[in-house]
Amino acid sequence: MDAFEFHNKVQAVMDAIESLPIGQALAWEIEPAELGSAHLELSRIKRRLENEIRLTNPSLEGRQ
């Protein structure tokens, strides 16, 4: 798996976190703050991957 593919998977998880209703998260005993922290960390990872994509293959940058 390359950085671009992993970037897309990270984005999919971030989208899933954003779309999870708070009530459902609480029913699963997941605190909203935990979701926020996870989303923030994934955002950091995604930025690192975007930097890697730009550095290793500038022609892929537009695919993000």
Protein backbone atom coordinates (compact mmCIF):
# COMPACT_ATOMS: atom_id res chain seq x y z
CA MET A 1 0.00 0.00 0.00
CA ASP A 2 1.41 3.39 -0.88
CA ALA A 3 0.96 6.72 0.91
CA PHE A 4 -1.90 7.74 -1.39
CA GLU A 5 -3.89 4.56 -0.70
CA PHE A 6 -3.31 4.86 3.06
CA HIS A 7 -4.29 8.55 2.90
CA ASN A 8 -7.63 7.54 1.39
CA LYS A 9 -8.23 4.95 4.11
CA VAL A 10 -7.43 7.48 6.84
CA GLN A 11 -9.87 9.91 5.21
CA ALA A 12 -12.56 7.21 5.15
CA VAL A 13 -12.15 6.66 8.90
CA MET A 14 -12.28 10.41 9.52
CA ASP A 15 -15.50 10.61 7.48
CA ALA A 16 -16.97 7.73 9.51
CA ILE A 17 -16.13 9.50 12.78
CA GLU A 18 -17.72 12.73 11.55
CA SER A 19 -20.90 10.97 10.48
CA LEU A 20 -21.40 8.97 13.68
CA PRO A 21 -24.37 10.38 15.61
CA ILE A 22 -23.47 11.38 19.17
CA GLY A 23 -26.30 9.26 20.53
CA GLN A 24 -24.94 6.16 18.82
CA ALA A 25 -21.43 6.85 20.09
CA LEU A 26 -22.76 7.19 23.64
CA ALA A 27 -24.76 3.96 23.24
CA TRP A 28 -21.45 2.25 22.39
CA GLU A 29 -19.87 3.94 25.45
CA ILE A 30 -17.64 6.13 23.27
CA GLU A 31 -17.27 9.65 24.62
CA PRO A 32 -17.53 12.49 22.09
CA ALA A 33 -14.18 13.81 23.35
CA GLU A 34 -12.58 10.48 22.42
CA LEU A 35 -13.94 10.81 18.90
CA GLY A 36 -12.64 14.36 18.70
CA SER A 37 -9.18 13.25 19.83
CA ALA A 38 -9.14 10.39 17.35
CA HIS A 39 -10.21 12.71 14.55
CA LEU A 40 -7.48 15.19 15.45
CA GLU A 41 -4.77 12.54 15.48
CA LEU A 42 -5.97 11.13 12.15
CA SER A 43 -5.88 14.65 10.74
CA ARG A 44 -2.23 14.93 11.77
CA ILE A 45 -1.44 11.59 10.15
CA LYS A 46 -3.27 12.64 7.00
CA ARG A 47 -1.21 15.85 6.78
CA ARG A 48 2.02 13.85 7.08
CA LEU A 49 0.84 11.55 4.31
CA GLU A 50 -0.07 14.53 2.13
CA ASN A 51 3.42 15.93 2.65
CA GLU A 52 4.93 12.57 1.73
CA ILE A 53 2.80 12.38 -1.41
CA ARG A 54 3.91 15.87 -2.46
CA LEU A 55 7.57 15.11 -1.80
CA THR A 56 7.70 11.72 -3.48
CA ASN A 57 5.43 12.30 -6.44
CA PRO A 58 4.23 15.82 -7.15
CA SER A 59 2.10 14.54 -10.04
CA LEU A 60 -0.15 12.72 -7.53
CA GLU A 61 -0.84 15.84 -5.47
CA GLY A 62 -3.97 16.69 -7.47
CA ARG A 63 -5.47 13.24 -6.76
CA GLN A 64 -6.12 14.04 -3.09
